[in-house]
Amino acid sequence: MKRAMLLLGALSAIALSAYANTVDFDNDPGSGYQYYFPGGANKQVLDDVGRATDLAIKQINIAFFNANTSAVDATVYVYAADPVSGGVGTLLGTFTVTGIPNGLTPLQIATGPGFAAGYQNLWIGLSTNAAQAGMVISPNPYPNPGSSANVFAWDDDGNGVIDNNDYWNFGGNPVANFAIETYVPEPASMVALSAGLAGLVGLRRRKARTA
């Protein structure tokens, strides 16, 4: 029994490591940018995102620019796209980052387990507590992987709601400069997990025969 418990513990460790990171939306050019979308203090700016999968999100990376001399705070919003209109739908989660310094900063937003699983089309963006700060616009209009209709939602009246007149095309087909990392099963590790489970079953059968 003790040996079986040890084996089960080892299998649990394998299961936890049987996932690798992958990117299912990427529009981060790696270096350089055109400009940023300041939006205004406490006004949400969102971009539409068509992910290549609907797997749970592990991390969202957003390029952020702060033109202020002092640090600012930002709140990141993730919405599901409305299944009928394609516009901003249900709020899935918010994440706050504090003390973002002057200049260009890559924000790395770690999400909780199972976050946004089952949602392929999203709206992602942020608001800040000061003017002259916001997410960066990428010079690359074509995410790879993933897709975007290059439509932005901007709560320009600051009422905290994306109204029907809050959608617009930025022009020139830029999209937000961010990437989404997800968890996916790793085939080799899953094979090892299956082999370990088979070994556990064999151990139980052998003990039954010798009992």
N, C-alpha and C. Protein backbone atom coordinates (compact mmCIF):
# COMPACT_ATOMS: atom_id res chain seq x y z
N MET A 1 0.83 -1.20 0.00
CA MET A 1 0.00 0.00 0.00
C MET A 1 0.87 1.26 0.00
N LYS A 2 1.95 1.22 0.81
CA LYS A 2 2.84 2.36 0.87
C LYS A 2 3.49 2.62 -0.48
N ARG A 3 3.89 1.52 -1.15
CA ARG A 3 4.50 1.65 -2.47
C ARG A 3 3.50 2.25 -3.46
N ALA A 4 2.25 1.81 -3.36
CA ALA A 4 1.22 2.34 -4.26
C ALA A 4 1.00 3.83 -4.02
N MET A 5 1.04 4.27 -2.74
CA MET A 5 0.86 5.68 -2.43
C MET A 5 2.01 6.51 -2.97
N LEU A 6 3.24 5.97 -2.86
CA LEU A 6 4.40 6.66 -3.42
C LEU A 6 4.27 6.81 -4.93
N LEU A 7 3.82 5.73 -5.57
CA LEU A 7 3.64 5.77 -7.02
C LEU A 7 2.57 6.78 -7.40
N LEU A 8 1.49 6.82 -6.62
CA LEU A 8 0.42 7.76 -6.89
C LEU A 8 0.91 9.19 -6.74
N GLY A 9 1.76 9.43 -5.74
CA GLY A 9 2.33 10.77 -5.57
C GLY A 9 3.20 11.15 -6.75
N ALA A 10 3.97 10.20 -7.25
CA ALA A 10 4.81 10.47 -8.41
C ALA A 10 3.95 10.79 -9.63
N LEU A 11 2.84 10.06 -9.78
CA LEU A 11 1.95 10.31 -10.90
C LEU A 11 1.32 11.69 -10.81
N SER A 12 1.01 12.13 -9.60
CA SER A 12 0.45 13.47 -9.41
C SER A 12 1.45 14.51 -9.87
N ALA A 13 2.73 14.30 -9.52
CA ALA A 13 3.77 15.24 -9.94
C ALA A 13 3.88 15.28 -11.45
N ILE A 14 3.78 14.10 -12.09
CA ILE A 14 3.83 14.05 -13.55
C ILE A 14 2.65 14.81 -14.14
N ALA A 15 1.47 14.62 -13.56
CA ALA A 15 0.27 15.28 -14.08
C ALA A 15 0.39 16.79 -14.00
N LEU A 16 0.97 17.29 -12.89
CA LEU A 16 1.12 18.73 -12.75
C LEU A 16 2.12 19.29 -13.74
N SER A 17 3.10 18.48 -14.14
CA SER A 17 4.10 18.97 -15.08
C SER A 17 3.76 18.62 -16.52
N ALA A 18 2.58 18.03 -16.72
CA ALA A 18 2.22 17.56 -18.06
C ALA A 18 1.57 18.65 -18.89
N TYR A 19 1.88 19.88 -18.56
CA TYR A 19 1.33 21.00 -19.31
C TYR A 19 2.46 21.95 -19.69
N ALA A 20 2.44 22.42 -20.91
CA ALA A 20 3.43 23.37 -21.39
C ALA A 20 2.72 24.67 -21.76
N ASN A 21 3.46 25.76 -21.77
CA ASN A 21 2.88 27.03 -22.17
C ASN A 21 2.81 27.12 -23.68
N THR A 22 1.76 27.71 -24.18
CA THR A 22 1.68 28.02 -25.59
C THR A 22 1.03 29.39 -25.72
N VAL A 23 1.17 30.01 -26.86
CA VAL A 23 0.59 31.32 -27.11
C VAL A 23 -0.51 31.14 -28.15
N ASP A 24 -1.73 31.59 -27.84
CA ASP A 24 -2.82 31.45 -28.82
C ASP A 24 -3.31 32.81 -29.34
N PHE A 25 -2.63 33.88 -28.93
CA PHE A 25 -2.80 35.19 -29.57
C PHE A 25 -1.50 35.95 -29.35
N ASP A 26 -0.92 36.43 -30.43
CA ASP A 26 0.37 37.11 -30.31
C ASP A 26 0.46 38.27 -31.28
N ASN A 27 0.52 39.46 -30.72
CA ASN A 27 0.79 40.63 -31.56
C ASN A 27 1.86 41.50 -30.90
N ASP A 28 2.82 40.83 -30.29
CA ASP A 28 3.94 41.52 -29.68
C ASP A 28 5.12 41.46 -30.64
N PRO A 29 5.50 42.58 -31.25
CA PRO A 29 6.58 42.54 -32.24
C PRO A 29 7.95 42.34 -31.63
N GLY A 30 8.05 42.37 -30.30
CA GLY A 30 9.33 42.12 -29.67
C GLY A 30 10.11 43.38 -29.38
N SER A 31 10.07 44.34 -30.27
CA SER A 31 10.75 45.61 -30.03
C SER A 31 10.12 46.68 -30.90
N GLY A 32 10.10 47.89 -30.38
CA GLY A 32 9.53 49.00 -31.13
C GLY A 32 8.02 49.04 -31.05
N TYR A 33 7.46 50.19 -31.28
CA TYR A 33 6.01 50.37 -31.29
C TYR A 33 5.70 51.67 -32.01
N GLN A 34 4.43 51.81 -32.42
CA GLN A 34 4.04 53.04 -33.11
C GLN A 34 3.70 54.15 -32.11
N TYR A 35 2.74 53.88 -31.26
CA TYR A 35 2.28 54.87 -30.29
C TYR A 35 1.41 54.15 -29.27
N TYR A 36 0.95 54.86 -28.28
CA TYR A 36 0.11 54.24 -27.28
C TYR A 36 -1.26 54.92 -27.29
N PHE A 37 -2.22 54.24 -26.69
CA PHE A 37 -3.59 54.73 -26.64
C PHE A 37 -3.86 55.19 -25.21
N PRO A 38 -3.72 56.51 -24.91
CA PRO A 38 -3.85 56.96 -23.52
C PRO A 38 -5.25 56.82 -22.96
N GLY A 39 -6.27 57.00 -23.79
CA GLY A 39 -7.64 56.80 -23.33
C GLY A 39 -8.16 57.86 -22.39
N GLY A 40 -7.40 58.15 -21.35
CA GLY A 40 -7.84 59.10 -20.34
C GLY A 40 -7.97 58.43 -18.99
N ALA A 41 -7.89 59.23 -17.93
CA ALA A 41 -7.93 58.67 -16.58
C ALA A 41 -9.25 57.95 -16.32
N ASN A 42 -9.11 56.69 -15.85
CA ASN A 42 -10.26 55.86 -15.45
C ASN A 42 -11.23 55.56 -16.59
N LYS A 43 -10.73 55.58 -17.82
CA LYS A 43 -11.56 55.26 -18.99
C LYS A 43 -11.03 53.99 -19.66
N GLN A 44 -11.86 52.99 -19.79
CA GLN A 44 -11.44 51.72 -20.37
C GLN A 44 -11.15 51.86 -21.87
N VAL A 45 -10.07 51.23 -22.29
CA VAL A 45 -9.74 51.07 -23.71
C VAL A 45 -9.54 49.57 -23.95
N LEU A 46 -10.32 48.98 -24.86
CA LEU A 46 -10.30 47.55 -25.10
C LEU A 46 -10.08 47.25 -26.58
N ASP A 47 -9.50 46.10 -26.86
CA ASP A 47 -9.36 45.65 -28.25
C ASP A 47 -9.96 44.25 -28.37
N ASP A 48 -10.50 43.94 -29.56
CA ASP A 48 -11.09 42.63 -29.78
C ASP A 48 -10.01 41.60 -30.06
N VAL A 49 -10.20 40.40 -29.54
CA VAL A 49 -9.21 39.33 -29.64
C VAL A 49 -9.89 38.05 -30.09
N GLY A 50 -9.40 37.46 -31.18
CA GLY A 50 -9.85 36.15 -31.61
C GLY A 50 -8.72 35.16 -31.36
N ARG A 51 -8.82 34.39 -30.28
CA ARG A 51 -7.76 33.45 -29.94
C ARG A 51 -7.79 32.23 -30.86
N ALA A 52 -6.66 31.56 -30.98
CA ALA A 52 -6.59 30.35 -31.79
C ALA A 52 -7.19 29.16 -31.06
N THR A 53 -7.37 29.25 -29.75
CA THR A 53 -7.97 28.19 -28.96
C THR A 53 -8.95 28.82 -27.96
N ASP A 54 -9.62 27.95 -27.19
CA ASP A 54 -10.44 28.45 -26.09
C ASP A 54 -9.96 27.84 -24.77
N LEU A 55 -8.67 27.53 -24.70
CA LEU A 55 -8.08 26.96 -23.49
C LEU A 55 -8.00 28.00 -22.38
N ALA A 56 -7.83 27.52 -21.15
CA ALA A 56 -7.68 28.43 -20.01
C ALA A 56 -6.43 29.30 -20.20
N ILE A 57 -6.55 30.56 -19.80
CA ILE A 57 -5.46 31.51 -19.95
C ILE A 57 -4.58 31.50 -18.70
N LYS A 58 -3.28 31.38 -18.90
CA LYS A 58 -2.33 31.43 -17.80
C LYS A 58 -1.85 32.86 -17.57
N GLN A 59 -1.56 33.58 -18.64
CA GLN A 59 -0.96 34.91 -18.49
C GLN A 59 -1.30 35.77 -19.70
N ILE A 60 -1.51 37.06 -19.44
CA ILE A 60 -1.72 38.05 -20.50
C ILE A 60 -0.59 39.05 -20.43
N ASN A 61 0.10 39.25 -21.53
CA ASN A 61 1.20 40.20 -21.59
C ASN A 61 0.76 41.42 -22.38
N ILE A 62 0.88 42.59 -21.79
CA ILE A 62 0.46 43.83 -22.43
C ILE A 62 1.60 44.84 -22.38
N ALA A 63 1.95 45.41 -23.53
CA ALA A 63 2.93 46.48 -23.57
C ALA A 63 2.24 47.78 -23.15
N PHE A 64 2.84 48.48 -22.20
CA PHE A 64 2.21 49.65 -21.58
C PHE A 64 3.19 50.81 -21.60
N PHE A 65 2.68 52.01 -21.90
CA PHE A 65 3.54 53.19 -21.90
C PHE A 65 2.99 54.24 -20.96
N ASN A 66 3.86 54.75 -20.10
CA ASN A 66 3.51 55.81 -19.14
C ASN A 66 4.32 57.05 -19.47
N ALA A 67 3.64 58.10 -19.93
CA ALA A 67 4.32 59.35 -20.29
C ALA A 67 4.42 60.31 -19.11
N ASN A 68 3.87 59.91 -17.97
CA ASN A 68 3.95 60.75 -16.77
C ASN A 68 5.31 60.57 -16.08
N THR A 69 5.72 61.59 -15.33
CA THR A 69 6.98 61.47 -14.59
C THR A 69 6.82 60.63 -13.34
N SER A 70 5.59 60.48 -12.86
CA SER A 70 5.33 59.67 -11.67
C SER A 70 4.73 58.33 -12.07
N ALA A 71 4.77 57.37 -11.17
CA ALA A 71 4.22 56.04 -11.42
C ALA A 71 2.69 56.09 -11.48
N VAL A 72 2.10 55.16 -12.22
CA VAL A 72 0.64 55.09 -12.34
C VAL A 72 0.18 53.67 -12.03
N ASP A 73 -1.12 53.53 -11.82
CA ASP A 73 -1.74 52.22 -11.64
C ASP A 73 -2.63 51.92 -12.84
N ALA A 74 -2.81 50.64 -13.13
CA ALA A 74 -3.67 50.23 -14.24
C ALA A 74 -4.53 49.06 -13.81
N THR A 75 -5.74 49.01 -14.32
CA THR A 75 -6.63 47.87 -14.13
C THR A 75 -6.88 47.22 -15.48
N VAL A 76 -6.57 45.94 -15.58
CA VAL A 76 -6.77 45.19 -16.82
C VAL A 76 -8.14 44.51 -16.77
N TYR A 77 -8.89 44.61 -17.88
CA TYR A 77 -10.22 44.03 -17.98
C TYR A 77 -10.22 42.95 -19.05
N VAL A 78 -10.90 41.84 -18.77
CA VAL A 78 -11.10 40.78 -19.76
C VAL A 78 -12.59 40.50 -19.85
N TYR A 79 -13.16 40.71 -21.04
CA TYR A 79 -14.58 40.47 -21.29
C TYR A 79 -14.73 39.35 -22.32
N ALA A 80 -15.79 38.59 -22.20
CA ALA A 80 -16.18 37.69 -23.28
C ALA A 80 -16.86 38.53 -24.36
N ALA A 81 -16.65 38.16 -25.62
CA ALA A 81 -17.37 38.83 -26.70
C ALA A 81 -18.83 38.38 -26.69
N ASP A 82 -19.73 39.30 -26.92
CA ASP A 82 -21.15 38.94 -26.99
C ASP A 82 -21.36 37.97 -28.14
N PRO A 83 -22.00 36.83 -27.91
CA PRO A 83 -22.13 35.81 -28.96
C PRO A 83 -23.00 36.26 -30.13
N VAL A 84 -23.83 37.26 -29.95
CA VAL A 84 -24.72 37.74 -31.02
C VAL A 84 -24.10 38.92 -31.75
N SER A 85 -23.77 39.97 -31.02
CA SER A 85 -23.27 41.20 -31.65
C SER A 85 -21.77 41.20 -31.88
N GLY A 86 -21.04 40.38 -31.11
CA GLY A 86 -19.59 40.40 -31.19
C GLY A 86 -18.96 41.51 -30.37
N GLY A 87 -19.79 42.37 -29.78
CA GLY A 87 -19.29 43.46 -28.96
C GLY A 87 -18.89 43.00 -27.57
N VAL A 88 -18.61 43.96 -26.71
CA VAL A 88 -18.20 43.66 -25.34
C VAL A 88 -19.35 43.01 -24.59
N GLY A 89 -19.07 41.82 -24.04
CA GLY A 89 -20.10 41.07 -23.33
C GLY A 89 -19.84 40.98 -21.84
N THR A 90 -19.87 39.77 -21.31
CA THR A 90 -19.75 39.54 -19.87
C THR A 90 -18.32 39.78 -19.39
N LEU A 91 -18.20 40.48 -18.27
CA LEU A 91 -16.89 40.69 -17.66
C LEU A 91 -16.43 39.39 -17.02
N LEU A 92 -15.25 38.90 -17.44
CA LEU A 92 -14.71 37.65 -16.91
C LEU A 92 -13.76 37.88 -15.73
N GLY A 93 -13.10 39.04 -15.70
CA GLY A 93 -12.18 39.30 -14.61
C GLY A 93 -11.45 40.61 -14.75
N THR A 94 -10.97 41.14 -13.64
CA THR A 94 -10.15 42.35 -13.62
C THR A 94 -8.89 42.07 -12.81
N PHE A 95 -7.81 42.75 -13.17
CA PHE A 95 -6.52 42.56 -12.52
C PHE A 95 -5.85 43.93 -12.40
N THR A 96 -5.38 44.29 -11.22
CA THR A 96 -4.81 45.61 -10.99
C THR A 96 -3.29 45.52 -10.84
N VAL A 97 -2.59 46.43 -11.51
CA VAL A 97 -1.14 46.54 -11.44
C VAL A 97 -0.82 47.92 -10.90
N THR A 98 -0.03 48.01 -9.86
CA THR A 98 0.28 49.30 -9.24
C THR A 98 1.74 49.69 -9.46
N GLY A 99 1.98 50.99 -9.38
CA GLY A 99 3.35 51.50 -9.42
C GLY A 99 4.07 51.28 -10.72
N ILE A 100 3.39 51.49 -11.85
CA ILE A 100 4.03 51.31 -13.16
C ILE A 100 4.87 52.55 -13.45
N PRO A 101 6.17 52.41 -13.67
CA PRO A 101 7.04 53.59 -13.80
C PRO A 101 6.90 54.29 -15.15
N ASN A 102 7.57 55.41 -15.26
CA ASN A 102 7.63 56.15 -16.52
C ASN A 102 8.29 55.30 -17.60
N GLY A 103 7.80 55.45 -18.85
CA GLY A 103 8.40 54.74 -19.97
C GLY A 103 7.62 53.50 -20.38
N LEU A 104 8.28 52.67 -21.16
CA LEU A 104 7.66 51.46 -21.71
C LEU A 104 7.86 50.30 -20.74
N THR A 105 6.76 49.62 -20.38
CA THR A 105 6.81 48.52 -19.42
C THR A 105 5.98 47.35 -19.94
N PRO A 106 6.54 46.13 -19.96
CA PRO A 106 5.73 44.95 -20.31
C PRO A 106 4.97 44.46 -19.07
N LEU A 107 3.66 44.60 -19.08
CA LEU A 107 2.85 44.12 -17.97
C LEU A 107 2.60 42.63 -18.17
N GLN A 108 2.79 41.83 -17.14
CA GLN A 108 2.56 40.40 -17.18
C GLN A 108 1.47 40.06 -16.17
N ILE A 109 0.29 39.78 -16.67
CA ILE A 109 -0.89 39.57 -15.83
C ILE A 109 -1.11 38.08 -15.66
N ALA A 110 -0.83 37.55 -14.48
CA ALA A 110 -1.06 36.14 -14.19
C ALA A 110 -2.52 35.98 -13.78
N THR A 111 -3.22 35.04 -14.39
CA THR A 111 -4.63 34.81 -14.10
C THR A 111 -4.77 33.56 -13.23
N GLY A 112 -5.97 33.29 -12.75
CA GLY A 112 -6.20 32.13 -11.90
C GLY A 112 -6.43 30.87 -12.71
N PRO A 113 -6.43 29.72 -12.05
CA PRO A 113 -6.67 28.44 -12.74
C PRO A 113 -8.01 28.41 -13.45
N GLY A 114 -8.00 27.94 -14.68
CA GLY A 114 -9.25 27.81 -15.44
C GLY A 114 -9.80 29.11 -15.99
N PHE A 115 -9.04 30.19 -15.89
CA PHE A 115 -9.57 31.50 -16.29
C PHE A 115 -9.87 31.54 -17.79
N ALA A 116 -11.06 31.98 -18.16
CA ALA A 116 -11.51 32.19 -19.54
C ALA A 116 -11.55 30.91 -20.36
N ALA A 117 -11.51 29.76 -19.73
CA ALA A 117 -11.62 28.50 -20.47
C ALA A 117 -12.98 28.45 -21.16
N GLY A 118 -12.98 28.06 -22.43
CA GLY A 118 -14.22 27.98 -23.20
C GLY A 118 -14.57 29.25 -23.94
N TYR A 119 -13.79 30.29 -23.76
CA TYR A 119 -14.04 31.56 -24.45
C TYR A 119 -12.92 31.84 -25.46
N GLN A 120 -13.26 31.82 -26.72
CA GLN A 120 -12.25 32.06 -27.76
C GLN A 120 -12.21 33.52 -28.17
N ASN A 121 -13.36 34.18 -28.22
CA ASN A 121 -13.43 35.58 -28.62
C ASN A 121 -13.59 36.47 -27.39
N LEU A 122 -12.64 37.39 -27.22
CA LEU A 122 -12.58 38.21 -26.03
C LEU A 122 -12.40 39.68 -26.40
N TRP A 123 -12.60 40.53 -25.40
CA TRP A 123 -12.18 41.93 -25.44
C TRP A 123 -11.25 42.14 -24.25
N ILE A 124 -10.05 42.63 -24.51
CA ILE A 124 -9.05 42.82 -23.46
C ILE A 124 -8.52 44.24 -23.53
N GLY A 125 -8.34 44.85 -22.38
CA GLY A 125 -7.79 46.20 -22.35
C GLY A 125 -7.60 46.65 -20.92
N LEU A 126 -7.54 47.97 -20.73
CA LEU A 126 -7.26 48.47 -19.40
C LEU A 126 -7.71 49.91 -19.24
N SER A 127 -7.70 50.36 -18.01
CA SER A 127 -7.86 51.76 -17.66
C SER A 127 -6.73 52.13 -16.70
N THR A 128 -6.40 53.40 -16.62
CA THR A 128 -5.36 53.86 -15.71
C THR A 128 -5.91 54.95 -14.80
N ASN A 129 -5.18 55.25 -13.76
CA ASN A 129 -5.63 56.29 -12.83
C ASN A 129 -5.08 57.66 -13.17
N ALA A 130 -4.46 57.79 -14.34
CA ALA A 130 -3.90 59.07 -14.75
C ALA A 130 -3.94 59.18 -16.27
N ALA A 131 -4.01 60.39 -16.76
CA ALA A 131 -3.94 60.61 -18.20
C ALA A 131 -2.53 60.34 -18.70
N GLN A 132 -2.37 60.28 -20.02
CA GLN A 132 -1.08 60.09 -20.66
C GLN A 132 -0.40 58.77 -20.26
N ALA A 133 -1.22 57.73 -20.22
CA ALA A 133 -0.69 56.38 -20.00
C ALA A 133 -1.69 55.40 -20.57
N GLY A 134 -1.20 54.31 -21.16
CA GLY A 134 -2.13 53.35 -21.73
C GLY A 134 -1.41 52.24 -22.47
N MET A 135 -2.20 51.33 -23.07
CA MET A 135 -1.61 50.19 -23.76
C MET A 135 -1.04 50.64 -25.11
N VAL A 136 0.00 49.93 -25.51
CA VAL A 136 0.72 50.27 -26.73
C VAL A 136 0.01 49.68 -27.95
N ILE A 137 0.07 50.41 -29.06
CA ILE A 137 -0.48 49.94 -30.33
C ILE A 137 0.66 49.36 -31.16
N SER A 138 0.47 48.14 -31.64
CA SER A 138 1.53 47.46 -32.36
C SER A 138 1.62 47.92 -33.81
N PRO A 139 2.83 47.97 -34.38
CA PRO A 139 2.96 48.27 -35.80
C PRO A 139 2.55 47.11 -36.70
N ASN A 140 2.32 45.95 -36.08
CA ASN A 140 1.93 44.76 -36.86
C ASN A 140 0.41 44.63 -36.84
N PRO A 141 -0.27 44.76 -37.98
CA PRO A 141 -1.74 44.69 -37.97
C PRO A 141 -2.28 43.26 -38.00
N TYR A 142 -1.40 42.26 -38.10
CA TYR A 142 -1.88 40.89 -38.27
C TYR A 142 -1.31 39.98 -37.18
N PRO A 143 -2.08 39.71 -36.12
CA PRO A 143 -1.60 38.81 -35.06
C PRO A 143 -1.29 37.43 -35.62
N ASN A 144 -0.33 36.75 -35.01
CA ASN A 144 0.02 35.39 -35.42
C ASN A 144 0.59 34.64 -34.21
N PRO A 145 -0.16 33.72 -33.64
CA PRO A 145 -1.50 33.27 -34.06
C PRO A 145 -2.60 34.21 -33.57
N GLY A 146 -3.82 33.86 -33.93
CA GLY A 146 -4.98 34.64 -33.53
C GLY A 146 -5.40 35.64 -34.58
N SER A 147 -6.43 36.41 -34.27
CA SER A 147 -6.94 37.39 -35.22
C SER A 147 -7.58 38.54 -34.45
N SER A 148 -7.78 39.65 -35.14
CA SER A 148 -8.46 40.80 -34.56
C SER A 148 -9.13 41.57 -35.68
N ALA A 149 -10.34 42.06 -35.40
CA ALA A 149 -11.05 42.88 -36.38
C ALA A 149 -10.57 44.32 -36.35
N ASN A 150 -9.59 44.61 -35.46
CA ASN A 150 -9.00 45.94 -35.36
C ASN A 150 -10.01 47.01 -34.98
N VAL A 151 -10.98 46.61 -34.17
CA VAL A 151 -11.97 47.55 -33.64
C VAL A 151 -11.69 47.75 -32.17
N PHE A 152 -11.72 49.01 -31.72
CA PHE A 152 -11.49 49.31 -30.32
C PHE A 152 -12.79 49.72 -29.66
N ALA A 153 -12.88 49.45 -28.37
CA ALA A 153 -13.98 49.94 -27.55
C ALA A 153 -13.38 50.91 -26.54
N TRP A 154 -13.89 52.14 -26.52
CA TRP A 154 -13.31 53.18 -25.67
C TRP A 154 -14.43 53.87 -24.90
N ASP A 155 -14.38 53.74 -23.61
CA ASP A 155 -15.36 54.39 -22.73
C ASP A 155 -14.98 55.86 -22.59
N ASP A 156 -15.13 56.62 -23.68
CA ASP A 156 -14.63 57.99 -23.68
C ASP A 156 -15.41 58.94 -22.78
N ASP A 157 -16.64 58.57 -22.41
CA ASP A 157 -17.39 59.44 -21.49
C ASP A 157 -17.14 59.05 -20.02
N GLY A 158 -16.38 57.97 -19.80
CA GLY A 158 -16.00 57.60 -18.45
C GLY A 158 -17.13 57.12 -17.55
N ASN A 159 -18.20 56.60 -18.16
CA ASN A 159 -19.32 56.13 -17.34
C ASN A 159 -19.16 54.68 -16.88
N GLY A 160 -18.02 54.05 -17.24
CA GLY A 160 -17.75 52.69 -16.80
C GLY A 160 -18.45 51.63 -17.61
N VAL A 161 -19.14 52.02 -18.70
CA VAL A 161 -19.88 51.09 -19.54
C VAL A 161 -19.50 51.32 -21.00
N ILE A 162 -19.34 50.23 -21.76
CA ILE A 162 -19.10 50.36 -23.20
C ILE A 162 -20.47 50.47 -23.88
N ASP A 163 -20.81 51.67 -24.31
CA ASP A 163 -22.10 51.92 -24.97
C ASP A 163 -21.98 51.63 -26.46
N ASN A 164 -23.13 51.65 -27.15
CA ASN A 164 -23.14 51.34 -28.58
C ASN A 164 -22.30 52.32 -29.40
N ASN A 165 -22.16 53.56 -28.93
CA ASN A 165 -21.37 54.54 -29.68
C ASN A 165 -19.92 54.60 -29.23
N ASP A 166 -19.48 53.60 -28.44
CA ASP A 166 -18.10 53.59 -27.94
C ASP A 166 -17.17 52.69 -28.75
N TYR A 167 -17.60 52.24 -29.93
CA TYR A 167 -16.77 51.40 -30.79
C TYR A 167 -16.26 52.22 -31.96
N TRP A 168 -14.99 52.01 -32.32
CA TRP A 168 -14.46 52.73 -33.48
C TRP A 168 -13.19 52.06 -33.98
N ASN A 169 -12.88 52.33 -35.24
CA ASN A 169 -11.68 51.80 -35.88
C ASN A 169 -10.57 52.83 -35.76
N PHE A 170 -9.43 52.39 -35.29
CA PHE A 170 -8.32 53.31 -35.04
C PHE A 170 -7.77 53.88 -36.34
N GLY A 171 -7.88 53.13 -37.42
CA GLY A 171 -7.31 53.55 -38.71
C GLY A 171 -5.95 52.92 -38.92
N GLY A 172 -5.69 52.45 -40.14
CA GLY A 172 -4.41 51.83 -40.44
C GLY A 172 -4.27 50.41 -39.91
N ASN A 173 -5.37 49.87 -39.38
CA ASN A 173 -5.43 48.49 -38.91
C ASN A 173 -4.41 48.12 -37.84
N PRO A 174 -4.08 49.01 -36.90
CA PRO A 174 -3.22 48.55 -35.80
C PRO A 174 -4.05 47.78 -34.78
N VAL A 175 -3.41 46.96 -34.00
CA VAL A 175 -4.09 46.26 -32.91
C VAL A 175 -3.25 46.41 -31.65
N ALA A 176 -3.86 46.06 -30.53
CA ALA A 176 -3.15 46.20 -29.26
C ALA A 176 -1.94 45.28 -29.22
N ASN A 177 -0.90 45.76 -28.57
CA ASN A 177 0.37 45.05 -28.51
C ASN A 177 0.40 44.15 -27.28
N PHE A 178 -0.19 42.96 -27.41
CA PHE A 178 -0.11 42.01 -26.30
C PHE A 178 -0.16 40.58 -26.80
N ALA A 179 0.08 39.67 -25.86
CA ALA A 179 0.09 38.24 -26.17
C ALA A 179 -0.62 37.50 -25.05
N ILE A 180 -1.19 36.34 -25.37
CA ILE A 180 -1.91 35.53 -24.39
C ILE A 180 -1.26 34.15 -24.32
N GLU A 181 -0.87 33.74 -23.12
CA GLU A 181 -0.29 32.42 -22.90
C GLU A 181 -1.33 31.51 -22.25
N THR A 182 -1.38 30.27 -22.71
CA THR A 182 -2.33 29.30 -22.17
C THR A 182 -1.60 28.04 -21.74
N TYR A 183 -2.32 27.14 -21.07
CA TYR A 183 -1.82 25.80 -20.77
C TYR A 183 -2.35 24.83 -21.81
N VAL A 184 -1.52 23.94 -22.29
CA VAL A 184 -1.97 22.85 -23.16
C VAL A 184 -1.33 21.55 -22.71
N PRO A 185 -2.02 20.41 -22.87
CA PRO A 185 -1.40 19.12 -22.52
C PRO A 185 -0.17 18.88 -23.37
N GLU A 186 0.86 18.33 -22.77
CA GLU A 186 2.10 18.01 -23.47
C GLU A 186 2.09 16.52 -23.78
N PRO A 187 2.04 16.11 -25.06
CA PRO A 187 1.85 14.70 -25.42
C PRO A 187 2.82 13.74 -24.75
N ALA A 188 4.10 14.06 -24.73
CA ALA A 188 5.09 13.14 -24.16
C ALA A 188 4.82 12.89 -22.69
N SER A 189 4.48 13.95 -21.98
CA SER A 189 4.21 13.81 -20.56
C SER A 189 2.93 13.02 -20.33
N MET A 190 1.94 13.20 -21.20
CA MET A 190 0.70 12.47 -21.05
C MET A 190 0.93 10.97 -21.29
N VAL A 191 1.84 10.63 -22.21
CA VAL A 191 2.18 9.22 -22.43
C VAL A 191 2.81 8.65 -21.17
N ALA A 192 3.71 9.41 -20.57
CA ALA A 192 4.35 8.95 -19.33
C ALA A 192 3.32 8.78 -18.22
N LEU A 193 2.37 9.68 -18.16
CA LEU A 193 1.31 9.58 -17.15
C LEU A 193 0.49 8.32 -17.36
N SER A 194 0.14 8.03 -18.62
CA SER A 194 -0.64 6.84 -18.93
C SER A 194 0.13 5.58 -18.55
N ALA A 195 1.43 5.56 -18.85
CA ALA A 195 2.26 4.40 -18.51
C ALA A 195 2.32 4.21 -17.00
N GLY A 196 2.41 5.30 -16.27
CA GLY A 196 2.45 5.21 -14.82
C GLY A 196 1.15 4.68 -14.25
N LEU A 197 0.04 5.11 -14.80
CA LEU A 197 -1.27 4.61 -14.36
C LEU A 197 -1.39 3.11 -14.63
N ALA A 198 -0.90 2.69 -15.80
CA ALA A 198 -0.93 1.26 -16.12
C ALA A 198 -0.09 0.46 -15.12
N GLY A 199 1.06 1.03 -14.72
CA GLY A 199 1.90 0.37 -13.74
C GLY A 199 1.21 0.24 -12.39
N LEU A 200 0.46 1.28 -12.01
CA LEU A 200 -0.27 1.24 -10.74
C LEU A 200 -1.34 0.15 -10.76
N VAL A 201 -2.05 0.04 -11.88
CA VAL A 201 -3.06 -1.00 -12.02
C VAL A 201 -2.42 -2.38 -11.93
N GLY A 202 -1.25 -2.56 -12.61
CA GLY A 202 -0.55 -3.84 -12.56
C GLY A 202 -0.10 -4.20 -11.16
N LEU A 203 0.35 -3.20 -10.39
CA LEU A 203 0.77 -3.43 -9.02
C LEU A 203 -0.38 -3.94 -8.16
N ARG A 204 -1.56 -3.33 -8.34
CA ARG A 204 -2.73 -3.73 -7.58
C ARG A 204 -3.15 -5.17 -7.93
N ARG A 205 -3.08 -5.54 -9.21
CA ARG A 205 -3.44 -6.89 -9.64
C ARG A 205 -2.47 -7.93 -9.07
N ARG A 206 -1.19 -7.61 -9.06
CA ARG A 206 -0.20 -8.54 -8.55
C ARG A 206 -0.41 -8.79 -7.06
N LYS A 207 -0.71 -7.72 -6.33
CA LYS A 207 -0.95 -7.89 -4.92
C LYS A 207 -2.21 -8.73 -4.66
N ALA A 208 -3.21 -8.57 -5.54
CA ALA A 208 -4.45 -9.35 -5.39
C ALA A 208 -4.18 -10.84 -5.61
N ARG A 209 -3.30 -11.20 -6.56
CA ARG A 209 -2.99 -12.59 -6.83
C ARG A 209 -2.21 -13.25 -5.70
N THR A 210 -1.34 -12.45 -5.05
CA THR A 210 -0.50 -13.03 -4.00
C THR A 210 -1.17 -13.01 -2.65
N ALA A 211 -2.31 -12.37 -2.54
CA ALA A 211 -3.01 -12.29 -1.26
C ALA A 211 -3.65 -13.63 -0.90
